[in-house]
Amino acid sequence: MSWQEFERLVDDAESDRELRWVLRHCRSAEDLILAARKLGYRVTRLDLQRAIEEERQELRGDRPAAAAAEATALTGGWDDAQERL
């Protein structure tokens, strides 16, 4: 269920400029998860870890580009969150 919530968060962030701004200005993965939860999204650190790993796989050419966009949309391109999770 939480992965579906994560995907909903990504979809909403792609279409909502203010939401995207809030998420991109989070300084850590924990901040991003807390912000998402405050906004009503039931996401977990495992969801974010999964999205980051999928983005890394995409960069290596191991999966379709559409999934990588989900992680990038939320993180603004940073993936050092892995160490903070």
PDB file of N, CA and C in Angstrom:
ATOM      1  N   MET A   1       0.812  -1.199   0.000  1.00  0.00           N
ATOM      2  CA  MET A   1       0.000   0.000   0.000  1.00  0.00           C
ATOM      3  C   MET A   1       0.854   1.262   0.000  1.00  0.00           C
ATOM      4  N   SER A   2       1.928   1.259   0.746  1.00  0.00           N
ATOM      5  CA  SER A   2       2.704   2.489   0.830  1.00  0.00           C
ATOM      6  C   SER A   2       3.374   2.826  -0.502  1.00  0.00           C
ATOM      7  N   TRP A   3       3.720   1.808  -1.303  1.00  0.00           N
ATOM      8  CA  TRP A   3       4.324   2.106  -2.608  1.00  0.00           C
ATOM      9  C   TRP A   3       3.322   2.837  -3.495  1.00  0.00           C
ATOM     10  N   GLN A   4       2.049   2.451  -3.403  1.00  0.00           N
ATOM     11  CA  GLN A   4       1.018   3.157  -4.162  1.00  0.00           C
ATOM     12  C   GLN A   4       0.909   4.604  -3.685  1.00  0.00           C
ATOM     13  N   GLU A   5       1.040   4.813  -2.393  1.00  0.00           N
ATOM     14  CA  GLU A   5       1.028   6.167  -1.849  1.00  0.00           C
ATOM     15  C   GLU A   5       2.230   6.952  -2.356  1.00  0.00           C
ATOM     16  N   PHE A   6       3.369   6.292  -2.424  1.00  0.00           N
ATOM     17  CA  PHE A   6       4.578   6.938  -2.927  1.00  0.00           C
ATOM     18  C   PHE A   6       4.378   7.359  -4.378  1.00  0.00           C
ATOM     19  N   GLU A   7       3.808   6.477  -5.176  1.00  0.00           N
ATOM     20  CA  GLU A   7       3.544   6.807  -6.578  1.00  0.00           C
ATOM     21  C   GLU A   7       2.552   7.961  -6.690  1.00  0.00           C
ATOM     22  N   ARG A   8       1.561   7.988  -5.813  1.00  0.00           N
ATOM     23  CA  ARG A   8       0.596   9.093  -5.795  1.00  0.00           C
ATOM     24  C   ARG A   8       1.302  10.404  -5.448  1.00  0.00           C
ATOM     25  N   LEU A   9       2.214  10.345  -4.477  1.00  0.00           N
ATOM     26  CA  LEU A   9       2.987  11.526  -4.106  1.00  0.00           C
ATOM     27  C   LEU A   9       3.794  12.036  -5.297  1.00  0.00           C
ATOM     28  N   VAL A  10       4.425  11.130  -6.012  1.00  0.00           N
ATOM     29  CA  VAL A  10       5.211  11.521  -7.191  1.00  0.00           C
ATOM     30  C   VAL A  10       4.309  12.159  -8.238  1.00  0.00           C
ATOM     31  N   ASP A  11       3.186  11.525  -8.529  1.00  0.00           N
ATOM     32  CA  ASP A  11       2.259  12.075  -9.520  1.00  0.00           C
ATOM     33  C   ASP A  11       1.798  13.471  -9.114  1.00  0.00           C
ATOM     34  N   ASP A  12       1.454  13.625  -7.845  1.00  0.00           N
ATOM     35  CA  ASP A  12       1.005  14.929  -7.359  1.00  0.00           C
ATOM     36  C   ASP A  12       2.125  15.964  -7.432  1.00  0.00           C
ATOM     37  N   ALA A  13       3.336  15.561  -7.083  1.00  0.00           N
ATOM     38  CA  ALA A  13       4.475  16.485  -7.124  1.00  0.00           C
ATOM     39  C   ALA A  13       4.774  16.928  -8.554  1.00  0.00           C
ATOM     40  N   GLU A  14       4.565  16.037  -9.501  1.00  0.00           N
ATOM     41  CA  GLU A  14       4.807  16.393 -10.901  1.00  0.00           C
ATOM     42  C   GLU A  14       3.819  17.435 -11.402  1.00  0.00           C
ATOM     43  N   SER A  15       2.623  17.455 -10.836  1.00  0.00           N
ATOM     44  CA  SER A  15       1.606  18.391 -11.311  1.00  0.00           C
ATOM     45  C   SER A  15       1.382  19.583 -10.382  1.00  0.00           C
ATOM     46  N   ASP A  16       1.954  19.561  -9.191  1.00  0.00           N
ATOM     47  CA  ASP A  16       1.742  20.623  -8.202  1.00  0.00           C
ATOM     48  C   ASP A  16       3.074  21.304  -7.884  1.00  0.00           C
ATOM     49  N   ARG A  17       3.215  22.497  -8.375  1.00  0.00           N
ATOM     50  CA  ARG A  17       4.479  23.233  -8.221  1.00  0.00           C
ATOM     51  C   ARG A  17       4.846  23.466  -6.753  1.00  0.00           C
ATOM     52  N   GLU A  18       3.865  23.814  -5.933  1.00  0.00           N
ATOM     53  CA  GLU A  18       4.136  24.073  -4.516  1.00  0.00           C
ATOM     54  C   GLU A  18       4.584  22.810  -3.793  1.00  0.00           C
ATOM     55  N   LEU A  19       3.935  21.701  -4.064  1.00  0.00           N
ATOM     56  CA  LEU A  19       4.325  20.434  -3.454  1.00  0.00           C
ATOM     57  C   LEU A  19       5.742  20.068  -3.874  1.00  0.00           C
ATOM     58  N   ARG A  20       6.033  20.221  -5.138  1.00  0.00           N
ATOM     59  CA  ARG A  20       7.372  19.928  -5.651  1.00  0.00           C
ATOM     60  C   ARG A  20       8.416  20.796  -4.945  1.00  0.00           C
ATOM     61  N   TRP A  21       8.103  22.072  -4.747  1.00  0.00           N
ATOM     62  CA  TRP A  21       9.030  22.981  -4.067  1.00  0.00           C
ATOM     63  C   TRP A  21       9.283  22.512  -2.636  1.00  0.00           C
ATOM     64  N   VAL A  22       8.212  22.163  -1.930  1.00  0.00           N
ATOM     65  CA  VAL A  22       8.353  21.695  -0.544  1.00  0.00           C
ATOM     66  C   VAL A  22       9.250  20.468  -0.486  1.00  0.00           C
ATOM     67  N   LEU A  23       9.001  19.503  -1.342  1.00  0.00           N
ATOM     68  CA  LEU A  23       9.763  18.258  -1.307  1.00  0.00           C
ATOM     69  C   LEU A  23      11.218  18.472  -1.714  1.00  0.00           C
ATOM     70  N   ARG A  24      11.450  19.307  -2.682  1.00  0.00           N
ATOM     71  CA  ARG A  24      12.831  19.542  -3.136  1.00  0.00           C
ATOM     72  C   ARG A  24      13.661  20.314  -2.123  1.00  0.00           C
ATOM     73  N   HIS A  25      13.012  21.016  -1.228  1.00  0.00           N
ATOM     74  CA  HIS A  25      13.754  21.778  -0.229  1.00  0.00           C
ATOM     75  C   HIS A  25      13.962  21.012   1.071  1.00  0.00           C
ATOM     76  N   CYS A  26      13.603  19.764   1.081  1.00  0.00           N
ATOM     77  CA  CYS A  26      13.917  18.910   2.231  1.00  0.00           C
ATOM     78  C   CYS A  26      15.415  18.640   2.210  1.00  0.00           C
ATOM     79  N   ARG A  27      16.029  18.688   3.373  1.00  0.00           N
ATOM     80  CA  ARG A  27      17.484  18.534   3.452  1.00  0.00           C
ATOM     81  C   ARG A  27      17.929  17.093   3.651  1.00  0.00           C
ATOM     82  N   SER A  28      17.011  16.218   3.944  1.00  0.00           N
ATOM     83  CA  SER A  28      17.372  14.813   4.147  1.00  0.00           C
ATOM     84  C   SER A  28      16.187  13.944   3.757  1.00  0.00           C
ATOM     85  N   ALA A  29      16.450  12.667   3.660  1.00  0.00           N
ATOM     86  CA  ALA A  29      15.381  11.714   3.358  1.00  0.00           C
ATOM     87  C   ALA A  29      14.339  11.732   4.469  1.00  0.00           C
ATOM     88  N   GLU A  30      14.806  11.832   5.694  1.00  0.00           N
ATOM     89  CA  GLU A  30      13.875  11.872   6.827  1.00  0.00           C
ATOM     90  C   GLU A  30      12.971  13.097   6.726  1.00  0.00           C
ATOM     91  N   ASP A  31      13.527  14.246   6.377  1.00  0.00           N
ATOM     92  CA  ASP A  31      12.722  15.457   6.193  1.00  0.00           C
ATOM     93  C   ASP A  31      11.683  15.257   5.096  1.00  0.00           C
ATOM     94  N   LEU A  32      12.091  14.620   4.004  1.00  0.00           N
ATOM     95  CA  LEU A  32      11.177  14.390   2.895  1.00  0.00           C
ATOM     96  C   LEU A  32      10.019  13.490   3.324  1.00  0.00           C
ATOM     97  N   ILE A  33      10.331  12.436   4.035  1.00  0.00           N
ATOM     98  CA  ILE A  33       9.294  11.508   4.489  1.00  0.00           C
ATOM     99  C   ILE A  33       8.354  12.200   5.473  1.00  0.00           C
ATOM    100  N   LEU A  34       8.916  12.964   6.408  1.00  0.00           N
ATOM    101  CA  LEU A  34       8.084  13.683   7.377  1.00  0.00           C
ATOM    102  C   LEU A  34       7.191  14.708   6.692  1.00  0.00           C
ATOM    103  N   ALA A  35       7.740  15.427   5.717  1.00  0.00           N
ATOM    104  CA  ALA A  35       6.940  16.403   4.980  1.00  0.00           C
ATOM    105  C   ALA A  35       5.800  15.713   4.242  1.00  0.00           C
ATOM    106  N   ALA A  36       6.107  14.602   3.591  1.00  0.00           N
ATOM    107  CA  ALA A  36       5.074  13.859   2.861  1.00  0.00           C
ATOM    108  C   ALA A  36       3.983  13.371   3.812  1.00  0.00           C
ATOM    109  N   ARG A  37       4.382  12.877   4.959  1.00  0.00           N
ATOM    110  CA  ARG A  37       3.402  12.391   5.935  1.00  0.00           C
ATOM    111  C   ARG A  37       2.526  13.533   6.452  1.00  0.00           C
ATOM    112  N   LYS A  38       3.130  14.686   6.707  1.00  0.00           N
ATOM    113  CA  LYS A  38       2.351  15.844   7.165  1.00  0.00           C
ATOM    114  C   LYS A  38       1.332  16.266   6.121  1.00  0.00           C
ATOM    115  N   LEU A  39       1.650  16.006   4.864  1.00  0.00           N
ATOM    116  CA  LEU A  39       0.747  16.347   3.768  1.00  0.00           C
ATOM    117  C   LEU A  39      -0.272  15.245   3.485  1.00  0.00           C
ATOM    118  N   GLY A  40      -0.230  14.173   4.278  1.00  0.00           N
ATOM    119  CA  GLY A  40      -1.236  13.125   4.155  1.00  0.00           C
ATOM    120  C   GLY A  40      -0.849  11.910   3.338  1.00  0.00           C
ATOM    121  N   TYR A  41       0.410  11.803   2.951  1.00  0.00           N
ATOM    122  CA  TYR A  41       0.868  10.650   2.178  1.00  0.00           C
ATOM    123  C   TYR A  41       1.465   9.625   3.132  1.00  0.00           C
ATOM    124  N   ARG A  42       1.029   8.399   3.015  1.00  0.00           N
ATOM    125  CA  ARG A  42       1.507   7.333   3.895  1.00  0.00           C
ATOM    126  C   ARG A  42       2.679   6.615   3.235  1.00  0.00           C
ATOM    127  N   VAL A  43       3.840   7.262   3.269  1.00  0.00           N
ATOM    128  CA  VAL A  43       5.043   6.705   2.656  1.00  0.00           C
ATOM    129  C   VAL A  43       6.041   6.326   3.741  1.00  0.00           C
ATOM    130  N   THR A  44       6.954   5.460   3.378  1.00  0.00           N
ATOM    131  CA  THR A  44       7.958   4.987   4.332  1.00  0.00           C
ATOM    132  C   THR A  44       9.357   5.226   3.781  1.00  0.00           C
ATOM    133  N   ARG A  45      10.337   5.078   4.647  1.00  0.00           N
ATOM    134  CA  ARG A  45      11.722   5.211   4.198  1.00  0.00           C
ATOM    135  C   ARG A  45      12.064   4.099   3.213  1.00  0.00           C
ATOM    136  N   LEU A  46      11.407   2.951   3.346  1.00  0.00           N
ATOM    137  CA  LEU A  46      11.645   1.853   2.401  1.00  0.00           C
ATOM    138  C   LEU A  46      11.172   2.220   0.999  1.00  0.00           C
ATOM    139  N   ASP A  47      10.076   2.969   0.922  1.00  0.00           N
ATOM    140  CA  ASP A  47       9.609   3.446  -0.385  1.00  0.00           C
ATOM    141  C   ASP A  47      10.662   4.335  -1.028  1.00  0.00           C
ATOM    142  N   LEU A  48      11.214   5.241  -0.235  1.00  0.00           N
ATOM    143  CA  LEU A  48      12.232   6.140  -0.768  1.00  0.00           C
ATOM    144  C   LEU A  48      13.492   5.376  -1.143  1.00  0.00           C
ATOM    145  N   GLN A  49      13.885   4.429  -0.326  1.00  0.00           N
ATOM    146  CA  GLN A  49      15.049   3.603  -0.651  1.00  0.00           C
ATOM    147  C   GLN A  49      14.829   2.862  -1.967  1.00  0.00           C
ATOM    148  N   ARG A  50      13.633   2.320  -2.133  1.00  0.00           N
ATOM    149  CA  ARG A  50      13.314   1.586  -3.364  1.00  0.00           C
ATOM    150  C   ARG A  50      13.398   2.513  -4.577  1.00  0.00           C
ATOM    151  N   ALA A  51      12.842   3.711  -4.442  1.00  0.00           N
ATOM    152  CA  ALA A  51      12.873   4.664  -5.551  1.00  0.00           C
ATOM    153  C   ALA A  51      14.305   5.068  -5.890  1.00  0.00           C
ATOM    154  N   ILE A  52      15.121   5.271  -4.870  1.00  0.00           N
ATOM    155  CA  ILE A  52      16.522   5.634  -5.101  1.00  0.00           C
ATOM    156  C   ILE A  52      17.252   4.495  -5.796  1.00  0.00           C
ATOM    157  N   GLU A  53      17.017   3.277  -5.346  1.00  0.00           N
ATOM    158  CA  GLU A  53      17.672   2.123  -5.976  1.00  0.00           C
ATOM    159  C   GLU A  53      17.221   1.966  -7.427  1.00  0.00           C
ATOM    160  N   GLU A  54      15.940   2.177  -7.686  1.00  0.00           N
ATOM    161  CA  GLU A  54      15.452   2.091  -9.062  1.00  0.00           C
ATOM    162  C   GLU A  54      16.086   3.169  -9.933  1.00  0.00           C
ATOM    163  N   GLU A  55      16.276   4.358  -9.365  1.00  0.00           N
ATOM    164  CA  GLU A  55      16.927   5.422 -10.133  1.00  0.00           C
ATOM    165  C   GLU A  55      18.368   5.040 -10.444  1.00  0.00           C
ATOM    166  N   ARG A  56      19.061   4.483  -9.478  1.00  0.00           N
ATOM    167  CA  ARG A  56      20.442   4.049  -9.714  1.00  0.00           C
ATOM    168  C   ARG A  56      20.500   2.974 -10.796  1.00  0.00           C
ATOM    169  N   GLN A  57      19.546   2.053 -10.764  1.00  0.00           N
ATOM    170  CA  GLN A  57      19.504   1.011 -11.790  1.00  0.00           C
ATOM    171  C   GLN A  57      19.263   1.627 -13.159  1.00  0.00           C
ATOM    172  N   GLU A  58      18.403   2.626 -13.210  1.00  0.00           N
ATOM    173  CA  GLU A  58      18.127   3.304 -14.477  1.00  0.00           C
ATOM    174  C   GLU A  58      19.388   3.973 -15.005  1.00  0.00           C
ATOM    175  N   LEU A  59      20.119   4.605 -14.122  1.00  0.00           N
ATOM    176  CA  LEU A  59      21.352   5.264 -14.545  1.00  0.00           C
ATOM    177  C   LEU A  59      22.359   4.261 -15.086  1.00  0.00           C
ATOM    178  N   ARG A  60      22.290   3.030 -14.576  1.00  0.00           N
ATOM    179  CA  ARG A  60      23.162   1.964 -15.084  1.00  0.00           C
ATOM    180  C   ARG A  60      22.552   1.289 -16.309  1.00  0.00           C
ATOM    181  N   GLY A  61      21.320   1.640 -16.636  1.00  0.00           N
ATOM    182  CA  GLY A  61      20.662   1.059 -17.791  1.00  0.00           C
ATOM    183  C   GLY A  61      19.946  -0.244 -17.507  1.00  0.00           C
ATOM    184  N   ASP A  62      19.613  -0.501 -16.239  1.00  0.00           N
ATOM    185  CA  ASP A  62      19.001  -1.769 -15.854  1.00  0.00           C
ATOM    186  C   ASP A  62      17.476  -1.764 -15.824  1.00  0.00           C
ATOM    187  N   ARG A  63      16.828  -0.618 -16.077  1.00  0.00           N
ATOM    188  CA  ARG A  63      15.367  -0.586 -16.020  1.00  0.00           C
ATOM    189  C   ARG A  63      14.814   0.568 -16.839  1.00  0.00           C
ATOM    190  N   PRO A  64      13.505   0.593 -17.077  1.00  0.00           N
ATOM    191  CA  PRO A  64      12.891   1.643 -17.889  1.00  0.00           C
ATOM    192  C   PRO A  64      13.037   3.030 -17.264  1.00  0.00           C
ATOM    193  N   ALA A  65      13.086   4.040 -18.100  1.00  0.00           N
ATOM    194  CA  ALA A  65      13.280   5.415 -17.647  1.00  0.00           C
ATOM    195  C   ALA A  65      12.117   5.942 -16.820  1.00  0.00           C
ATOM    196  N   ALA A  66      10.910   5.477 -17.054  1.00  0.00           N
ATOM    197  CA  ALA A  66       9.747   6.003 -16.338  1.00  0.00           C
ATOM    198  C   ALA A  66       9.884   5.850 -14.834  1.00  0.00           C
ATOM    199  N   ALA A  67      10.401   4.747 -14.368  1.00  0.00           N
ATOM    200  CA  ALA A  67      10.540   4.539 -12.927  1.00  0.00           C
ATOM    201  C   ALA A  67      11.595   5.459 -12.330  1.00  0.00           C
ATOM    202  N   ALA A  68      12.636   5.764 -13.063  1.00  0.00           N
ATOM    203  CA  ALA A  68      13.688   6.658 -12.561  1.00  0.00           C
ATOM    204  C   ALA A  68      13.143   8.060 -12.347  1.00  0.00           C
ATOM    205  N   ALA A  69      12.222   8.464 -13.183  1.00  0.00           N
ATOM    206  CA  ALA A  69      11.651   9.799 -13.060  1.00  0.00           C
ATOM    207  C   ALA A  69      10.940   9.977 -11.730  1.00  0.00           C
ATOM    208  N   GLU A  70      10.366   8.901 -11.196  1.00  0.00           N
ATOM    209  CA  GLU A  70       9.680   8.995  -9.912  1.00  0.00           C
ATOM    210  C   GLU A  70      10.635   9.404  -8.804  1.00  0.00           C
ATOM    211  N   ALA A  71      11.774   8.775  -8.736  1.00  0.00           N
ATOM    212  CA  ALA A  71      12.744   9.099  -7.690  1.00  0.00           C
ATOM    213  C   ALA A  71      13.289  10.505  -7.877  1.00  0.00           C
ATOM    214  N   THR A  72      13.606  10.867  -9.100  1.00  0.00           N
ATOM    215  CA  THR A  72      14.171  12.181  -9.363  1.00  0.00           C
ATOM    216  C   THR A  72      13.162  13.280  -9.066  1.00  0.00           C
ATOM    217  N   ALA A  73      11.902  13.040  -9.367  1.00  0.00           N
ATOM    218  CA  ALA A  73      10.874  14.042  -9.121  1.00  0.00           C
ATOM    219  C   ALA A  73      10.802  14.414  -7.650  1.00  0.00           C
ATOM    220  N   LEU A  74      10.973  13.455  -6.789  1.00  0.00           N
ATOM    221  CA  LEU A  74      10.891  13.726  -5.359  1.00  0.00           C
ATOM    222  C   LEU A  74      12.189  14.219  -4.767  1.00  0.00           C
ATOM    223  N   THR A  75      13.275  13.661  -5.194  1.00  0.00           N
ATOM    224  CA  THR A  75      14.542  13.990  -4.555  1.00  0.00           C
ATOM    225  C   THR A  75      15.242  15.163  -5.200  1.00  0.00           C
ATOM    226  N   GLY A  76      14.770  15.600  -6.345  1.00  0.00           N
ATOM    227  CA  GLY A  76      15.452  16.676  -7.039  1.00  0.00           C
ATOM    228  C   GLY A  76      16.798  16.246  -7.576  1.00  0.00           C
ATOM    229  N   GLY A  77      17.017  14.946  -7.631  1.00  0.00           N
ATOM    230  CA  GLY A  77      18.256  14.419  -8.173  1.00  0.00           C
ATOM    231  C   GLY A  77      19.248  13.963  -7.133  1.00  0.00           C
ATOM    232  N   TRP A  78      19.041  14.300  -5.851  1.00  0.00           N
ATOM    233  CA  TRP A  78      20.008  13.841  -4.845  1.00  0.00           C
ATOM    234  C   TRP A  78      19.688  12.423  -4.450  1.00  0.00           C
ATOM    235  N   ASP A  79      20.717  11.668  -4.191  1.00  0.00           N
ATOM    236  CA  ASP A  79      20.497  10.300  -3.740  1.00  0.00           C
ATOM    237  C   ASP A  79      21.393   9.955  -2.564  1.00  0.00           C
ATOM    238  N   ASP A  80      21.978  10.975  -1.943  1.00  0.00           N
ATOM    239  CA  ASP A  80      22.768  10.710  -0.749  1.00  0.00           C
ATOM    240  C   ASP A  80      21.867  10.363   0.424  1.00  0.00           C
ATOM    241  N   ALA A  81      20.565  10.392   0.196  1.00  0.00           N
ATOM    242  CA  ALA A  81      19.616  10.037   1.245  1.00  0.00           C
ATOM    243  C   ALA A  81      19.802   8.603   1.701  1.00  0.00           C
ATOM    244  N   GLN A  82      20.311   7.763   0.832  1.00  0.00           N
ATOM    245  CA  GLN A  82      20.514   6.354   1.180  1.00  0.00           C
ATOM    246  C   GLN A  82      21.296   6.238   2.482  1.00  0.00           C
ATOM    247  N   GLU A  83      22.318   7.055   2.648  1.00  0.00           N
ATOM    248  CA  GLU A  83      23.137   6.985   3.849  1.00  0.00           C
ATOM    249  C   GLU A  83      22.398   7.506   5.066  1.00  0.00           C
ATOM    250  N   ARG A  84      21.396   8.338   4.863  1.00  0.00           N
ATOM    251  CA  ARG A  84      20.670   8.938   5.975  1.00  0.00           C
ATOM    252  C   ARG A  84      19.466   8.119   6.410  1.00  0.00           C
ATOM    253  N   LEU A  85      19.106   7.107   5.643  1.00  0.00           N
ATOM    254  CA  LEU A  85      17.888   6.352   5.950  1.00  0.00           C
ATOM    255  C   LEU A  85      18.089   5.345   7.030  1.00  0.00           C
TER     256      LEU A  85
END
